[in-house]
Amino acid sequence: MKLLSIVVSAYNEEAGLHEFYRVTREYAKYLKEKNWDYEFIFVNDGSKDGTGEILLELSENDPEHVKVINFSRNFGHESAMIAGLDYAAGDGMVFMDADLQHPPENLEKIVDAFDSGFKVVSMVRTRNETAGIIKKITSGGFYWFINKVSDIYLEPNASDFFAITRSVQDILKKNYREKVRFLRGYVQNVGFRKTTIEYEAAPRVAGSSHYSIKKLFTFAMNTIMCFSNVPLKLGIFAGFFSGFLGMVLLIYTLCTHDGAPSGYATIVVLLCFMFAVLFIVIGIIGEYIAVLFEELKDRPLYIIEDMKNFDNKQ
């Protein structure tokens, strides 16, 4: 019998964790009819509420199917997914959030895709009633921009709800260990035979999103830095454009014979514009240097405090 690892990142999810486990387990049980068993790998990402206690309870009540990884502190959603990837023992694995916005009824479709020979299953939202108009616009803009400036294609509305086989897992574990990372993008980047399954995002079972505007902005910036060097090239175009404006101003001044006082405002505006471009370019370079600095420090992606129901071989 094959094994499906259900990797779940949990950060302050005590309000909905029992319900997530109950609902997802009910759907996972039916996988045995398709010759698939299942395991949960819950990664407690340094939660400050009762998430750790609930996960301990679940691991004790269902040791055959529930495994728990507790981080020493909060390392972030990406690190939690990487940890689940590192310790998943399944022939296939699916990554889900613990808020039930990723409908577990799709597990059957995912294993069907694996049995059909697909190695990557990308889950794409068709509707998300909980997202506001601003989030929808910014999300659409993000996908459009990253697809324009990078050499990979991210399906619009693709989420951190996706599934891969063990062969893809092995490649990601060995070759994709950047400190600043975007696992969803890596999955799109490795190739292999891929299929797409559409789903409607359900309302959160409890609580609210842990992604603030600041976190979303940082996430978007890191993604761009990971997959594109186009922003670095913007300085070249900005330099040519600023030089062109300077030549236009010089020709205008020579042809009109204006005195300094009458052209003073124009000069000030152009100087402000060129300094703005300069500082933007310096900022972009600084972001790339920051990414390189993180790689050079070579600190661990996560630190595990303890683990439940993992055998010594893992």
Foldseek 3Di string as FASTA:
>chain_A
DFEEEEEEEDAQPVVQQVVLCVQLVVLQVVCVVVVYHYAYEYEYQAHPDCPVVVLVVVCVVCVPHYKYFYFPHHLDDVLSVLVSLVQDPGQKYWYDYSQCLPPSNCVNVVVVCVVVPFFKEWEAEPAEPVDDPVRLVVQVVLQVVLCVFFPFHDDRRTDSTMMGGVVLSVCCNPPVFALLDDVSRVSRVPDTGYDYDYDHGDDGPDDDDPQDPVNVVVNSLSSCLVTGPVLLVVLVVLVVVLVVVVVVVVVVCVVVVDDCVVCVVVVVVSVVVSVVSVVSNVVNVVSNVVSVVSRVVVDDSTHTPDMGSDDPVD
